[in-house]
Amino acid sequence: MAAKDILSRSPVYKGFRKTLVQQYGAEKAAALWQDANARLAAMAAAHRTLGRDCRMMLLPAAALYAALKEQDPVKALPLLRDYGTAVGGRIARMMHAVTSVPGVPKLLWRNMPALMRTMSSPEKGYSRVIVSETEELVGVDIIACPLHDAAVAVGLPEAAQVVCAMDKAYMTGFRHIVYTRSTSVAEGAACCDYRLRYDRSKK
């Protein structure tokens, strides 16, 4: 029996099927999609204790990566990373529209330390070091990430890079806030070095 098409219901990953069709044609894309769905169902069943974010964001990426890696090991990760960047870019454009409303960027910046603490909290499975919480710079080093931990747990640590690519792209969308990250745990570094600066000239 064919696996249920869970991926087509994913608001994040359903669009990757178009990428597969463009790269490999409809027939091979359909086979890859079916394989990824079967792998996703198996991963979800084997890792029921994973949090919602991991099940929604990491497991589909891992299933797609596993299916594609078997067929095309050279292109598998680059294709998925590029897709993650494209998805993050769409979110960035939405973030830019929201923060184009007068007063919103300043309000967001005022609350950035609290937001970063919440988003990287130990309660969510992160290990972190707060580097800076000044008027000029908010900096957090993420030492351990639950998404990367989940990728390691399913035996595909590289898959976390897909989510990292989304994150790195969408965080650039905030008006008046400059975001940089030069390293990531998913790419083998000691930490993910999030740095955010308020810059009124950044449009």
Protein backbone atom coordinates (compact mmCIF):
# COMPACT_ATOMS: atom_id res chain seq x y z
CA MET A 1 0.00 0.00 0.00
CA ALA A 2 1.30 3.48 -0.89
CA ALA A 3 2.18 5.77 2.01
CA LYS A 4 -0.17 8.62 2.81
CA ASP A 5 0.84 11.86 1.15
CA ILE A 6 1.71 13.73 4.33
CA LEU A 7 4.19 16.03 2.60
CA SER A 8 1.54 17.57 0.34
CA ARG A 9 -0.23 18.78 3.49
CA SER A 10 2.89 20.49 4.80
CA PRO A 11 2.69 24.28 4.37
CA VAL A 12 6.49 24.40 4.39
CA TYR A 13 7.55 21.44 2.24
CA LYS A 14 4.71 20.81 -0.19
CA GLY A 15 6.32 23.14 -2.73
CA PHE A 16 9.44 20.97 -2.96
CA ARG A 17 7.58 18.56 -5.22
CA LYS A 18 7.72 21.20 -7.97
CA THR A 19 11.50 21.32 -7.55
CA LEU A 20 11.67 17.54 -7.94
CA VAL A 21 9.59 17.67 -11.12
CA GLN A 22 11.82 20.38 -12.56
CA GLN A 23 14.97 18.40 -11.73
CA TYR A 24 13.93 14.85 -12.55
CA GLY A 25 10.66 14.87 -14.49
CA ALA A 26 7.18 13.94 -13.29
CA GLU A 27 7.63 10.16 -13.06
CA LYS A 28 10.83 10.14 -11.04
CA ALA A 29 9.58 13.03 -8.91
CA ALA A 30 6.45 11.04 -8.04
CA ALA A 31 8.56 8.05 -7.00
CA LEU A 32 10.82 10.22 -4.85
CA TRP A 33 7.82 11.91 -3.26
CA GLN A 34 6.25 8.55 -2.41
CA ASP A 35 9.52 7.27 -0.96
CA ALA A 36 9.90 10.42 1.17
CA ASN A 37 6.35 10.06 2.47
CA ALA A 38 7.04 6.47 3.51
CA ARG A 39 10.24 7.53 5.25
CA LEU A 40 8.45 10.40 6.99
CA ALA A 41 5.74 8.07 8.34
CA ALA A 42 8.39 5.67 9.64
CA MET A 43 10.39 8.49 11.28
CA ALA A 44 7.30 9.96 12.91
CA ALA A 45 6.32 6.57 14.30
CA ALA A 46 9.82 5.89 15.62
CA HIS A 47 10.25 9.34 17.21
CA ARG A 48 6.89 10.11 18.78
CA THR A 49 8.41 12.07 21.65
CA LEU A 50 9.86 14.77 19.41
CA GLY A 51 8.40 18.24 19.89
CA ARG A 52 5.99 19.85 17.44
CA ASP A 53 8.65 22.03 15.78
CA CYS A 54 10.86 19.02 15.13
CA ARG A 55 7.98 17.00 13.72
CA MET A 56 6.81 19.82 11.46
CA MET A 57 10.13 21.32 10.37
CA LEU A 58 12.86 18.71 10.74
CA LEU A 59 11.30 15.33 10.02
CA PRO A 60 9.93 16.28 6.55
CA ALA A 61 13.33 17.73 5.62
CA ALA A 62 15.05 14.55 6.84
CA ALA A 63 12.64 12.29 4.93
CA LEU A 64 13.06 14.25 1.71
CA TYR A 65 16.82 14.32 2.15
CA ALA A 66 17.01 10.56 2.78
CA ALA A 67 14.92 9.74 -0.30
CA LEU A 68 16.80 12.15 -2.53
CA LYS A 69 20.24 11.23 -1.18
CA GLU A 70 19.71 7.62 -2.23
CA GLN A 71 18.97 8.69 -5.80
CA ASP A 72 21.22 11.72 -6.18
CA PRO A 73 23.74 12.09 -3.33
CA VAL A 74 25.53 15.03 -4.95
CA LYS A 75 22.48 17.25 -5.45
CA ALA A 76 20.37 16.16 -2.46
CA LEU A 77 21.52 18.63 0.18
CA PRO A 78 22.13 21.61 -2.17
CA LEU A 79 18.61 21.25 -3.63
CA LEU A 80 17.02 21.17 -0.21
CA ARG A 81 19.16 24.01 1.15
CA ASP A 82 18.25 26.15 -1.87
CA TYR A 83 14.60 25.35 -1.28
CA GLY A 84 14.96 26.30 2.39
CA THR A 85 16.53 29.60 1.38
CA ALA A 86 13.66 30.29 -1.04
CA VAL A 87 11.04 29.54 1.63
CA GLY A 88 12.90 31.76 4.08
CA GLY A 89 12.98 34.51 1.47
CA ARG A 90 9.21 34.44 1.13
CA ILE A 91 8.85 34.72 4.91
CA ALA A 92 11.41 37.55 4.91
CA ARG A 93 9.26 39.51 2.46
CA MET A 94 6.27 39.09 4.78
CA MET A 95 8.38 40.22 7.75
CA HIS A 96 9.51 43.25 5.77
CA ALA A 97 5.92 44.19 4.97
CA VAL A 98 4.90 43.90 8.63
CA THR A 99 7.87 45.92 9.85
CA SER A 100 7.25 48.61 7.24
CA VAL A 101 4.41 49.84 9.45
CA PRO A 102 5.67 52.96 11.30
CA GLY A 103 6.71 52.20 14.86
CA VAL A 104 6.80 48.42 14.45
CA PRO A 105 10.59 48.06 13.95
CA LYS A 106 11.33 50.09 17.07
CA LEU A 107 8.77 48.13 19.09
CA LEU A 108 10.22 44.86 17.81
CA TRP A 109 13.75 45.98 18.69
CA ARG A 110 12.68 47.03 22.18
CA ASN A 111 11.38 43.51 22.76
CA MET A 112 14.17 41.66 20.94
CA PRO A 113 16.07 40.50 24.05
CA ALA A 114 12.93 38.93 25.48
CA LEU A 115 12.00 37.42 22.11
CA MET A 116 15.44 35.87 21.64
CA ARG A 117 15.42 34.50 25.17
CA THR A 118 12.00 32.93 24.59
CA MET A 119 12.86 31.50 21.18
CA SER A 120 16.13 29.96 22.45
CA SER A 121 14.95 28.93 25.90
CA PRO A 122 16.14 25.75 27.63
CA GLU A 123 12.46 24.86 28.00
CA LYS A 124 12.34 24.56 24.20
CA GLY A 125 15.39 22.32 24.22
CA TYR A 126 18.11 24.87 23.46
CA SER A 127 21.44 25.43 25.19
CA ARG A 128 22.67 29.00 24.78
CA VAL A 129 24.96 31.78 25.91
CA ILE A 130 23.59 35.34 25.99
CA VAL A 131 26.39 37.42 24.49
CA SER A 132 24.82 40.89 24.46
CA GLU A 133 21.56 42.64 25.31
CA THR A 134 22.41 46.31 24.78
CA GLU A 135 20.64 49.07 22.89
CA GLU A 136 23.02 48.47 19.97
CA LEU A 137 23.39 44.69 19.89
CA VAL A 138 21.45 41.57 20.80
CA GLY A 139 23.65 38.49 20.56
CA VAL A 140 23.01 34.85 21.40
CA ASP A 141 25.24 31.84 20.81
CA ILE A 142 23.20 28.66 20.41
CA ILE A 143 25.32 25.76 21.66
CA ALA A 144 22.72 23.03 21.15
CA CYS A 145 19.55 23.06 19.08
CA PRO A 146 16.62 20.61 19.33
CA LEU A 147 16.23 20.56 15.53
CA HIS A 148 19.83 19.49 15.08
CA ASP A 149 19.48 17.01 17.93
CA ALA A 150 16.45 15.51 16.17
CA ALA A 151 18.37 15.28 12.90
CA VAL A 152 21.14 13.41 14.70
CA ALA A 153 18.55 11.14 16.33
CA VAL A 154 17.17 10.07 12.94
CA GLY A 155 20.69 9.52 11.61
CA LEU A 156 20.69 12.47 9.18
CA PRO A 157 22.45 15.37 10.90
CA GLU A 158 22.89 17.28 7.62
CA ALA A 159 19.10 17.61 7.28
CA ALA A 160 19.08 20.33 9.95
CA GLN A 161 20.85 22.58 7.45
CA VAL A 162 17.59 22.87 5.50
CA VAL A 163 15.87 24.53 8.45
CA CYS A 164 18.99 26.64 9.10
CA ALA A 165 18.80 27.93 5.53
CA MET A 166 15.18 29.03 6.06
CA ASP A 167 16.10 30.71 9.32
CA LYS A 168 19.07 32.57 7.89
CA ALA A 169 16.97 33.93 5.03
CA TYR A 170 13.84 34.95 6.89
CA MET A 171 15.73 36.76 9.66
CA THR A 172 17.00 39.27 7.09
CA GLY A 173 13.47 40.56 6.48
CA PHE A 174 13.14 42.88 9.48
CA ARG A 175 13.23 46.54 8.55
CA HIS A 176 15.83 48.56 10.55
CA ILE A 177 17.30 45.38 12.07
CA VAL A 178 20.52 43.92 10.67
CA TYR A 179 20.87 40.18 11.24
CA THR A 180 24.00 38.08 10.81
CA ARG A 181 24.93 34.48 11.54
CA SER A 182 28.31 33.22 10.39
CA THR A 183 28.33 29.73 11.92
CA SER A 184 25.87 26.99 12.81
CA VAL A 185 25.90 23.79 14.85
CA ALA A 186 24.27 21.98 11.91
CA GLU A 187 27.32 22.77 9.77
CA GLY A 188 29.74 21.47 12.39
CA ALA A 189 30.53 24.70 14.24
CA ALA A 190 30.61 25.09 18.01
CA CYS A 191 27.60 27.40 17.97
CA CYS A 192 25.05 29.34 15.92
CA ASP A 193 26.15 32.95 16.45
CA TYR A 194 23.01 35.09 16.19
CA ARG A 195 23.75 38.83 16.10
CA LEU A 196 21.11 41.52 15.63
CA ARG A 197 21.78 45.25 15.44
CA TYR A 198 19.39 48.17 15.21
CA ASP A 199 20.16 50.30 12.16
CA ARG A 200 17.68 52.98 11.18
CA SER A 201 19.21 53.18 7.70
CA LYS A 202 18.42 49.54 6.88
CA LYS A 203 15.34 49.51 4.67
